[in-house]
Protein backbone atom coordinates (compact mmCIF):
# COMPACT_ATOMS: atom_id res chain seq x y z
CA MET A 1 -53.60 -14.46 -19.10
CA SER A 2 -51.42 -17.18 -20.62
CA THR A 3 -48.28 -15.09 -20.15
CA ILE A 4 -47.87 -12.33 -17.57
CA LYS A 5 -46.17 -9.42 -19.32
CA TRP A 6 -44.73 -7.19 -16.66
CA GLY A 7 -44.00 -3.52 -16.48
CA ILE A 8 -41.79 -2.25 -13.63
CA ILE A 9 -42.37 1.19 -12.14
CA GLY A 10 -39.15 2.18 -10.39
CA CYS A 11 -36.26 0.13 -11.79
CA GLY A 12 -33.78 1.00 -9.03
CA ASP A 13 -31.29 -1.00 -6.99
CA VAL A 14 -33.76 -3.56 -5.61
CA THR A 15 -34.65 -4.65 -9.15
CA GLU A 16 -31.07 -5.24 -10.34
CA VAL A 17 -30.65 -8.72 -8.80
CA LYS A 18 -33.28 -9.34 -6.12
CA SER A 19 -36.36 -9.08 -8.31
CA GLY A 20 -35.89 -7.82 -11.88
CA PRO A 21 -34.34 -10.92 -13.49
CA GLY A 22 -36.94 -13.11 -11.78
CA PHE A 23 -39.70 -11.73 -14.00
CA ASN A 24 -38.04 -13.30 -17.05
CA LYS A 25 -36.89 -16.47 -15.29
CA ALA A 26 -40.31 -17.36 -13.84
CA ASN A 27 -42.49 -19.63 -15.96
CA ASN A 28 -45.13 -17.90 -18.15
CA SER A 29 -43.66 -14.53 -17.24
CA GLU A 30 -41.91 -11.83 -19.27
CA LEU A 31 -40.56 -8.37 -18.45
CA VAL A 32 -41.53 -6.11 -21.36
CA ALA A 33 -41.21 -2.54 -20.01
CA VAL A 34 -39.59 -0.51 -17.25
CA MET A 35 -40.06 3.04 -16.01
CA ARG A 36 -37.78 5.45 -14.18
CA ARG A 37 -37.98 9.24 -14.12
CA ASN A 38 -34.32 9.54 -15.10
CA ALA A 39 -34.31 8.74 -18.82
CA ALA A 40 -30.64 7.80 -18.99
CA LYS A 41 -30.99 5.35 -16.09
CA ALA A 42 -34.22 3.89 -17.47
CA GLU A 43 -32.64 3.32 -20.88
CA ASP A 44 -29.49 1.88 -19.33
CA TYR A 45 -31.49 -0.57 -17.22
CA ALA A 46 -33.55 -1.67 -20.22
CA LYS A 47 -30.45 -2.27 -22.34
CA ARG A 48 -28.57 -4.19 -19.64
CA HIS A 49 -31.56 -6.41 -18.85
CA ASN A 50 -32.76 -6.84 -22.44
CA VAL A 51 -36.10 -5.14 -21.77
CA PRO A 52 -37.78 -4.03 -25.01
CA LYS A 53 -39.32 -0.76 -23.79
CA TRP A 54 -38.56 1.94 -21.25
CA TYR A 55 -40.47 4.99 -20.04
CA THR A 56 -39.97 8.07 -17.86
CA ASN A 57 -43.67 8.45 -17.06
CA ALA A 58 -45.59 5.89 -14.99
CA ASP A 59 -48.91 6.51 -16.76
CA ASP A 60 -47.32 5.71 -20.11
CA LEU A 61 -46.15 2.35 -18.80
CA ILE A 62 -49.48 1.59 -17.13
CA ASN A 63 -51.33 2.35 -20.37
CA ASP A 64 -49.00 0.27 -22.54
CA GLN A 65 -51.38 -2.27 -24.09
CA GLU A 66 -48.74 -5.01 -24.06
CA VAL A 67 -48.20 -4.69 -20.29
CA ASN A 68 -50.79 -6.73 -18.39
CA ALA A 69 -49.32 -6.63 -14.85
CA ILE A 70 -47.43 -4.00 -12.87
CA TYR A 71 -44.60 -4.36 -10.34
CA ILE A 72 -44.16 -1.22 -8.22
CA ALA A 73 -40.66 -0.83 -6.80
CA THR A 74 -40.52 2.88 -6.02
CA PRO A 75 -40.00 4.32 -2.53
CA PRO A 76 -43.16 3.85 -0.39
CA LEU A 77 -44.32 7.46 -0.89
CA ASN A 78 -45.49 6.57 -4.41
CA HIS A 79 -46.91 3.11 -3.78
CA GLU A 80 -50.52 4.17 -3.21
CA GLU A 81 -50.69 6.52 -6.19
CA TYR A 82 -49.23 4.05 -8.68
CA THR A 83 -51.08 1.03 -7.28
CA ILE A 84 -54.46 2.70 -7.56
CA ALA A 85 -53.68 4.02 -11.06
CA ALA A 86 -52.71 0.53 -12.24
CA LEU A 87 -55.71 -1.14 -10.60
CA LYS A 88 -58.01 1.47 -12.16
CA ALA A 89 -56.51 0.56 -15.55
CA GLY A 90 -57.51 -3.05 -14.89
CA LYS A 91 -53.97 -4.31 -14.33
CA PRO A 92 -53.01 -6.47 -11.33
CA VAL A 93 -50.28 -5.13 -9.07
CA TYR A 94 -47.35 -6.64 -7.22
CA VAL A 95 -46.23 -3.88 -4.84
CA GLU A 96 -42.97 -3.76 -2.91
CA LYS A 97 -42.77 -3.78 0.85
CA PRO A 98 -43.48 -1.87 2.94
CA MET A 99 -46.87 -1.89 1.24
CA THR A 100 -47.07 1.89 1.62
CA MET A 101 -46.52 4.73 4.12
CA ASN A 102 -49.06 3.69 6.77
CA SER A 103 -52.12 1.52 7.38
CA ALA A 104 -54.63 4.17 6.25
CA SER A 105 -52.91 4.27 2.86
CA ALA A 106 -52.85 0.48 2.70
CA ILE A 107 -56.59 0.32 3.34
CA ARG A 108 -57.22 2.71 0.44
CA MET A 109 -55.15 0.46 -1.83
CA ALA A 110 -57.18 -2.57 -0.76
CA GLU A 111 -60.42 -0.68 -1.37
CA ALA A 112 -59.24 0.15 -4.89
CA GLU A 113 -58.51 -3.52 -5.53
CA LYS A 114 -62.10 -4.31 -4.63
CA GLU A 115 -63.59 -1.32 -6.48
CA TYR A 116 -61.82 -2.10 -9.75
CA ASN A 117 -62.13 -5.89 -9.36
CA THR A 118 -58.42 -6.40 -9.94
CA ARG A 119 -55.68 -8.27 -8.05
CA LEU A 120 -53.12 -6.96 -5.55
CA THR A 121 -50.21 -8.82 -3.94
CA VAL A 122 -47.67 -7.44 -1.46
CA ALA A 123 -44.00 -8.36 -2.00
CA HIS A 124 -43.39 -10.02 1.35
CA TYR A 125 -41.30 -12.43 -0.68
CA ARG A 126 -39.72 -14.34 2.19
CA ARG A 127 -42.97 -16.31 2.30
CA GLY A 128 -41.80 -17.94 -0.94
CA LEU A 129 -38.32 -18.93 0.22
CA PRO A 130 -37.59 -22.59 1.09
CA LEU A 131 -36.01 -21.60 4.42
CA PHE A 132 -39.15 -20.00 5.82
CA ILE A 133 -41.49 -22.54 4.29
CA LYS A 134 -39.48 -25.16 6.20
CA ILE A 135 -39.64 -23.21 9.46
CA LYS A 136 -43.42 -22.87 9.11
CA GLU A 137 -43.64 -26.61 8.53
CA LEU A 138 -41.64 -27.25 11.71
CA ILE A 139 -43.97 -24.98 13.68
CA ASP A 140 -47.13 -26.52 12.22
CA THR A 141 -45.95 -30.09 12.87
CA LYS A 142 -45.01 -29.14 16.45
CA GLU A 143 -41.34 -30.03 16.10
CA ILE A 144 -40.71 -27.93 19.24
CA GLY A 145 -44.10 -28.60 20.80
CA ASP A 146 -46.53 -25.74 21.37
CA VAL A 147 -45.01 -22.33 20.68
CA ARG A 148 -44.85 -20.16 23.80
CA PHE A 149 -43.18 -16.94 22.67
CA VAL A 150 -40.86 -15.37 20.11
CA ASN A 151 -37.87 -13.06 20.63
CA LEU A 152 -36.40 -11.03 17.76
CA LYS A 153 -33.25 -8.90 17.76
CA MET A 154 -32.22 -6.81 14.77
CA LEU A 155 -29.16 -4.83 15.82
CA GLN A 156 -27.07 -2.99 13.24
CA PRO A 157 -24.27 -0.40 13.34
CA HIS A 158 -24.93 3.06 11.93
CA GLN A 159 -23.14 2.24 8.66
CA SER A 160 -24.62 -1.23 8.15
CA ASP A 161 -23.87 -3.17 4.97
CA LEU A 162 -27.31 -4.77 5.25
CA ILE A 163 -29.10 -1.60 4.19
CA THR A 164 -29.05 -0.60 0.52
CA LYS A 165 -27.50 2.82 0.04
CA THR A 166 -28.99 5.31 -2.41
CA GLU A 167 -27.93 8.76 -3.60
CA ASP A 168 -30.62 10.54 -1.59
CA ASN A 169 -30.69 8.01 1.29
CA TRP A 170 -34.49 8.01 1.17
CA ARG A 171 -34.79 5.05 3.54
CA VAL A 172 -34.13 7.33 6.52
CA ASN A 173 -36.41 10.13 5.32
CA PRO A 174 -39.84 9.56 6.92
CA GLU A 175 -41.53 11.78 4.34
CA VAL A 176 -40.52 9.30 1.61
CA SER A 177 -40.23 5.95 3.43
CA GLY A 178 -42.83 6.36 6.17
CA GLY A 179 -40.15 5.98 8.84
CA GLY A 180 -36.56 4.83 8.96
CA LEU A 181 -34.56 1.62 8.60
CA PHE A 182 -37.14 -0.13 10.76
CA HIS A 183 -39.75 0.59 8.07
CA ASP A 184 -37.39 -0.83 5.45
CA LEU A 185 -36.42 -4.09 7.19
CA ALA A 186 -39.13 -4.88 9.76
CA PRO A 187 -41.92 -5.58 7.22
CA HIS A 188 -40.09 -8.78 6.28
CA GLN A 189 -39.83 -9.85 9.91
CA ILE A 190 -43.32 -8.87 11.01
CA ASP A 191 -44.89 -10.48 7.98
CA LEU A 192 -43.09 -13.73 8.72
CA MET A 193 -44.64 -13.70 12.18
CA LEU A 194 -48.09 -13.37 10.58
CA TYR A 195 -47.19 -16.15 8.14
CA PHE A 196 -46.14 -18.40 11.02
CA PHE A 197 -48.74 -17.57 13.68
CA GLY A 198 -51.81 -16.10 11.98
CA LYS A 199 -54.15 -13.42 13.25
CA THR A 200 -53.18 -10.91 15.92
CA LYS A 201 -55.13 -9.70 18.91
CA SER A 202 -53.10 -6.57 19.76
CA SER A 203 -49.75 -4.85 19.28
CA LYS A 204 -47.92 -1.97 20.91
CA GLY A 205 -44.45 -0.49 21.10
CA PHE A 206 -42.07 2.42 21.40
CA ALA A 207 -39.91 4.24 18.87
CA VAL A 208 -37.24 6.91 19.47
CA ASN A 209 -34.46 8.71 17.66
CA GLN A 210 -31.51 8.38 20.04
CA ALA A 211 -28.44 9.17 17.96
CA GLY A 212 -29.88 11.88 15.71
CA TYR A 213 -28.01 10.81 12.58
CA TYR A 214 -31.14 11.38 10.49
CA PRO A 215 -34.79 12.43 10.98
CA ALA A 216 -36.16 8.90 11.45
CA ASP A 217 -36.35 6.77 14.61
CA ASP A 218 -33.33 4.52 15.07
CA LEU A 219 -34.60 2.35 17.95
CA VAL A 220 -37.94 0.51 17.95
CA SER A 221 -39.32 -2.10 20.31
CA GLY A 222 -42.66 -3.83 20.08
CA GLU A 223 -44.92 -6.63 21.27
CA ILE A 224 -47.59 -8.63 19.48
CA LEU A 225 -50.20 -10.88 21.05
CA PHE A 226 -51.54 -13.42 18.56
CA ASP A 227 -54.99 -14.99 18.70
CA ASN A 228 -53.34 -18.33 19.45
CA LYS A 229 -51.79 -16.76 22.62
CA VAL A 230 -48.25 -16.66 21.23
CA ILE A 231 -46.43 -13.49 22.34
CA PHE A 232 -43.81 -11.80 20.17
CA ASN A 233 -41.16 -9.37 21.44
CA GLY A 234 -38.92 -7.47 19.01
CA THR A 235 -36.08 -4.96 19.28
CA TRP A 236 -34.62 -3.06 16.34
CA CYS A 237 -31.63 -0.75 16.90
CA PHE A 238 -29.54 0.77 14.11
CA THR A 239 -26.78 2.45 16.12
CA VAL A 240 -25.05 -0.38 18.01
CA PRO A 241 -21.28 -1.07 17.88
CA ALA A 242 -20.22 -3.29 14.98
CA GLU A 243 -19.39 -6.16 17.34
CA GLU A 244 -23.02 -6.20 18.58
CA LYS A 245 -24.46 -6.75 15.12
CA THR A 246 -27.28 -9.31 15.43
CA ASP A 247 -30.01 -10.80 13.25
CA LEU A 248 -31.72 -13.43 15.38
CA VAL A 249 -35.19 -14.85 15.87
CA GLU A 250 -35.82 -17.44 18.58
CA ILE A 251 -39.11 -19.32 18.65
CA ILE A 252 -39.45 -20.97 22.05
CA GLY A 253 -41.76 -23.97 22.33
CA SER A 254 -42.79 -26.37 25.06
CA GLU A 255 -40.23 -28.92 23.83
CA GLY A 256 -37.45 -26.90 22.24
CA LYS A 257 -36.39 -23.85 20.24
CA ILE A 258 -36.06 -22.83 16.59
CA SER A 259 -33.46 -20.15 15.82
CA PHE A 260 -32.81 -18.40 12.53
CA ALA A 261 -31.72 -15.14 10.89
CA VAL A 262 -34.35 -13.40 8.77
CA PHE A 263 -31.59 -12.13 6.47
CA GLY A 264 -29.60 -15.37 6.67
CA GLN A 265 -29.73 -18.84 5.17
CA TYR A 266 -29.92 -21.20 8.14
CA TYR A 267 -32.13 -22.46 10.92
CA ALA A 268 -31.26 -24.36 14.08
CA ILE A 269 -33.32 -26.63 16.30
CA THR A 270 -32.41 -27.00 19.97
CA LYS A 271 -33.98 -29.84 21.96
CA LYS A 272 -32.82 -31.30 25.28
CA GLY A 273 -29.70 -29.15 25.17
CA ARG A 274 -28.60 -30.39 21.73
CA GLU A 275 -28.55 -28.05 18.72
CA GLU A 276 -28.76 -29.12 15.07
CA ARG A 277 -28.06 -26.51 12.40
CA PHE A 278 -29.28 -26.66 8.79
CA GLU A 279 -28.39 -24.51 5.78
CA ILE A 280 -30.99 -23.66 3.13
CA PRO A 281 -29.46 -21.26 0.59
CA ALA A 282 -31.58 -18.53 -0.97
CA PRO A 283 -31.91 -18.46 -4.76
CA PRO A 284 -29.71 -16.01 -6.74
CA HIS A 285 -32.76 -13.82 -7.44
CA ILE A 286 -34.36 -13.88 -4.04
CA GLN A 287 -37.83 -12.80 -5.19
CA GLN A 288 -38.13 -15.35 -7.99
CA PRO A 289 -40.07 -17.99 -5.97
CA MET A 290 -42.59 -15.33 -4.88
CA ILE A 291 -42.81 -13.94 -8.41
CA GLN A 292 -43.70 -17.43 -9.64
CA LEU A 293 -46.50 -17.63 -7.07
CA VAL A 294 -47.75 -14.20 -8.13
CA VAL A 295 -47.68 -15.20 -11.80
CA GLU A 296 -49.81 -18.24 -10.99
CA TYR A 297 -52.23 -16.10 -8.97
CA PHE A 298 -52.54 -13.43 -11.66
CA SER A 299 -53.09 -16.22 -14.21
CA GLY A 300 -55.95 -17.67 -12.15
CA LYS A 301 -54.02 -20.85 -11.33
CA GLY A 302 -53.18 -20.26 -7.66
CA GLU A 303 -53.97 -18.44 -4.44
CA ASN A 304 -52.75 -14.97 -3.51
CA PRO A 305 -49.40 -15.57 -1.72
CA CYS A 306 -49.70 -12.31 0.25
CA PRO A 307 -53.05 -10.53 -0.07
CA ALA A 308 -53.70 -6.88 0.74
CA PHE A 309 -55.25 -7.64 4.13
CA GLU A 310 -51.93 -9.16 5.25
CA GLY A 311 -50.09 -6.04 4.09
CA ILE A 312 -52.58 -3.88 5.98
CA GLU A 313 -51.97 -5.88 9.16
CA VAL A 314 -48.20 -5.42 8.82
CA MET A 315 -48.70 -1.67 8.39
CA LYS A 316 -51.03 -1.51 11.41
CA ILE A 317 -48.40 -3.22 13.57
CA ILE A 318 -45.71 -0.86 12.30
CA ASP A 319 -48.00 2.10 13.05
CA ASN A 320 -48.65 0.78 16.57
CA PHE A 321 -44.96 0.19 17.27
CA CYS A 322 -44.04 3.69 16.11
CA SER A 323 -46.96 5.65 17.53
CA LYS A 324 -45.95 8.76 19.50
CA GLN A 325 -49.20 8.89 21.49
């Protein structure tokens, strides 16, 4: 493919700024069609973003002969269905995170990729951001020596401005999202750990609904043991007081510490009691760097920036953290 001509299934809030414009701004990439079940909203999106075609039926978009790649940005409940349909039609897929509802579903998506000999990439787009590429470089070059362990805290008040609000608030409906706000935010964080530290040996955790504001769990804690013996500990709570709001990852090494916010634009290095802080702003359309990598992969000019097996591993960890057994 000389030019990747995208169709978006699910042109909702996440596509307005974070991803949608990036499909036209990336090199050798063009957004040619969008789909949303609500005709008025689909047409409005297409007009505002100068997209030539809009649909209310996903199959119609998938079968559009001009569309040669599909971006799936629906709630997770529909990810498997639409991914497999697109792959079956011979069209590569870039699917939003979380990859799907659970690891069993993710495995079926990966099997379809293999069966139909097509390409599948998961939108763990922080892998493409300069901030996290830099942090990985610091880890790999042993800026803080050998990594010992990682602590993560994601603490948010009940009415957090970090979480995108929707009319039906599907993110806290486990039947649609697979879980709660943890399932919405943690895939970014867990995937970064895989990006930094590689294969895992085991993972386990606990998940509870303490406050009862909605059906989903609002407190999750978990541990990961990586093959390289690094241990990760994470806590996610979505009902803390506003003054306790925290987004912090600390990577502790034998010679220092790297600190950063997954949803921020800085990192800090602490060595011998002295901290240096560095700002690396995110691009206006935060997915654009990842979209460029996906375009190159779909065009046969690059590697898969986040293959299905990585998405499966993220889903397995989420399943293990939230298991009720």
